[in-house]
Amino acid sequence: MVDGHAHSELDNFEPCKFKVESIEYYSAENYYQCQKTTTPEDHEKVRKSGCGADVWRVGSHVKIKPNWESIKVNQMYLGNKAKFEQNEHIAKQLCATKGKITFRGSTAFWNEWNAAIMERIRAEMRQSGEEDTKTIERITKAMSQYEKEH
């Protein structure tokens, strides 16, 4: 939710194609679940499973990188950043919002981090003044702190 309205383009499960290192992903969640894998075979199995609940289910049954807990927030950020950078129509929708971004329907952990990630991406894409600069700095610092602590 932003500005009192639901924004499906912010949903990690929303179908949206983009590439990272020449590999096509089908949603931010698809990218995220692939990043936790330890083998090329598992990566491809997860990637081909789709964009929503199916990719989450398949990604829940792979061997996870040993450092996953410390890098997972940044991986969600990187997937969403690529999604918005490569899909101008949804980037414009995100940048047109002004208010606090809130998430529901996930764990408290991801509701909080997904909102922060979207606010950081919006500020990076807009770059419209001191408030955006402060938002970027605050969230980048929190993400770095999370990675250090885990």
Protein backbone atom coordinates (compact mmCIF):
# COMPACT_ATOMS: atom_id res chain seq x y z
CA MET A 1 0.00 0.00 0.00
CA VAL A 2 1.14 3.50 -0.82
CA ASP A 3 -0.81 6.73 -0.60
CA GLY A 4 -3.88 4.72 0.48
CA HIS A 5 -3.86 2.51 -2.63
CA ALA A 6 -2.73 -1.02 -3.42
CA HIS A 7 0.16 -1.19 -5.89
CA SER A 8 0.54 -4.65 -7.41
CA GLU A 9 3.80 -3.64 -9.10
CA LEU A 10 5.44 -3.61 -5.66
CA ASP A 11 4.56 -7.26 -5.01
CA ASN A 12 7.59 -9.56 -5.26
CA PHE A 13 5.36 -12.28 -6.75
CA GLU A 14 3.95 -10.03 -9.50
CA PRO A 15 4.97 -11.39 -12.94
CA CYS A 16 7.61 -9.10 -14.43
CA LYS A 17 10.50 -10.14 -16.65
CA PHE A 18 14.01 -8.74 -16.27
CA LYS A 19 17.59 -9.92 -16.68
CA VAL A 20 20.55 -10.05 -14.32
CA GLU A 21 23.87 -11.15 -15.80
CA SER A 22 22.08 -12.28 -19.01
CA ILE A 23 19.72 -14.59 -17.09
CA GLU A 24 16.00 -13.86 -17.42
CA TYR A 25 13.89 -13.91 -14.26
CA TYR A 26 10.11 -13.81 -14.05
CA SER A 27 9.54 -11.84 -10.84
CA ALA A 28 11.54 -10.41 -7.96
CA GLU A 29 10.64 -13.52 -5.96
CA ASN A 30 11.91 -15.72 -8.79
CA TYR A 31 15.26 -13.91 -8.70
CA TYR A 32 15.41 -14.02 -4.90
CA GLN A 33 14.69 -17.76 -4.63
CA CYS A 34 17.32 -18.50 -7.31
CA GLN A 35 19.98 -16.58 -5.39
CA LYS A 36 19.80 -18.89 -2.39
CA THR A 37 20.74 -21.99 -4.41
CA THR A 38 24.16 -23.63 -4.31
CA THR A 39 24.21 -25.42 -7.67
CA PRO A 40 23.50 -24.39 -11.27
CA GLU A 41 20.98 -27.23 -11.50
CA ASP A 42 18.96 -26.00 -8.52
CA HIS A 43 19.20 -22.41 -9.78
CA GLU A 44 17.70 -23.41 -13.11
CA LYS A 45 15.04 -25.63 -11.50
CA VAL A 46 13.94 -22.75 -9.30
CA ARG A 47 14.11 -20.20 -12.12
CA LYS A 48 11.91 -22.32 -14.40
CA SER A 49 9.28 -22.82 -11.68
CA GLY A 50 7.62 -19.47 -12.31
CA CYS A 51 7.02 -16.19 -10.54
CA GLY A 52 4.68 -16.69 -7.58
CA ALA A 53 3.84 -19.34 -5.02
CA ASP A 54 5.36 -22.08 -7.18
CA VAL A 55 8.82 -20.50 -7.13
CA TRP A 56 8.55 -19.95 -3.39
CA ARG A 57 7.63 -23.63 -2.90
CA VAL A 58 10.46 -24.95 -5.10
CA GLY A 59 12.94 -22.51 -3.54
CA SER A 60 11.98 -23.82 -0.10
CA HIS A 61 13.33 -27.26 -1.01
CA VAL A 62 16.88 -26.52 -2.16
CA LYS A 63 20.19 -26.49 -0.34
CA ILE A 64 20.77 -22.89 0.79
CA LYS A 65 24.03 -20.95 0.62
CA PRO A 66 25.78 -20.92 4.01
CA ASN A 67 25.79 -17.10 4.11
CA TRP A 68 22.18 -16.75 2.98
CA GLU A 69 20.87 -15.24 6.21
CA SER A 70 23.32 -12.34 5.98
CA ILE A 71 22.81 -11.60 2.25
CA LYS A 72 19.10 -12.27 1.76
CA VAL A 73 17.90 -8.70 2.29
CA ASN A 74 20.42 -7.36 -0.21
CA GLN A 75 19.44 -10.06 -2.71
CA MET A 76 15.78 -9.00 -2.47
CA TYR A 77 16.90 -5.42 -3.06
CA LEU A 78 19.01 -6.37 -6.10
CA GLY A 79 16.16 -8.34 -7.68
CA ASN A 80 13.66 -5.54 -7.18
CA LYS A 81 16.12 -2.91 -8.35
CA ALA A 82 16.67 -4.81 -11.62
CA LYS A 83 12.90 -5.28 -11.98
CA PHE A 84 12.22 -1.55 -11.75
CA GLU A 85 15.25 -0.43 -13.76
CA GLN A 86 14.24 -2.64 -16.69
CA ASN A 87 10.49 -1.98 -16.65
CA GLU A 88 9.90 1.73 -17.12
CA HIS A 89 6.11 1.58 -16.75
CA ILE A 90 6.28 0.20 -13.20
CA ALA A 91 9.24 2.44 -12.31
CA LYS A 92 7.09 5.45 -13.19
CA GLN A 93 4.26 4.11 -11.02
CA LEU A 94 6.62 3.67 -8.07
CA CYS A 95 8.23 7.09 -8.49
CA ALA A 96 4.82 8.77 -8.69
CA THR A 97 4.02 7.66 -5.14
CA LYS A 98 4.82 9.88 -2.21
CA GLY A 99 3.78 8.31 1.07
CA LYS A 100 5.07 5.60 3.33
CA ILE A 101 5.12 2.16 1.70
CA THR A 102 3.60 -0.66 3.73
CA PHE A 103 3.42 -4.39 3.15
CA ARG A 104 1.04 -6.98 4.60
CA GLY A 105 0.53 -10.67 4.09
CA SER A 106 4.06 -11.88 4.80
CA THR A 107 6.11 -12.28 7.94
CA ALA A 108 6.77 -9.21 10.07
CA PHE A 109 10.41 -9.44 8.95
CA TRP A 110 9.58 -9.26 5.24
CA ASN A 111 6.74 -6.77 5.63
CA GLU A 112 9.29 -4.38 7.17
CA TRP A 113 12.17 -5.09 4.81
CA ASN A 114 10.08 -5.11 1.63
CA ALA A 115 8.75 -1.66 2.51
CA ALA A 116 12.26 -0.36 3.21
CA ILE A 117 13.60 -1.86 -0.02
CA MET A 118 10.84 -0.22 -2.07
CA GLU A 119 11.38 3.13 -0.36
CA ARG A 120 15.12 2.92 -1.12
CA ILE A 121 14.53 2.02 -4.77
CA ARG A 122 11.95 4.81 -5.14
CA ALA A 123 14.38 7.35 -3.64
CA GLU A 124 17.25 6.12 -5.84
CA MET A 125 15.14 6.38 -8.98
CA ARG A 126 13.65 9.78 -8.13
CA GLN A 127 16.73 11.50 -6.67
CA SER A 128 14.54 14.53 -6.05
CA GLY A 129 16.24 16.18 -3.13
CA GLU A 130 17.47 15.93 0.41
CA GLU A 131 14.65 13.69 1.61
CA ASP A 132 15.46 11.04 -1.00
CA THR A 133 19.16 11.28 -0.17
CA LYS A 134 18.43 10.77 3.54
CA THR A 135 16.12 7.82 2.76
CA ILE A 136 18.83 6.15 0.68
CA GLU A 137 21.45 6.67 3.37
CA ARG A 138 19.19 5.47 6.21
CA ILE A 139 18.06 2.28 4.47
CA THR A 140 21.49 1.48 3.02
CA LYS A 141 22.95 1.77 6.52
CA ALA A 142 20.23 -0.50 7.98
CA MET A 143 20.84 -3.10 5.25
CA SER A 144 24.59 -3.06 5.89
CA GLN A 145 24.00 -3.41 9.61
CA TYR A 146 21.70 -6.38 9.05
CA GLU A 147 24.33 -8.09 6.90
CA LYS A 148 27.05 -7.54 9.54
CA GLU A 149 24.87 -8.90 12.35
CA HIS A 150 23.83 -12.06 10.55
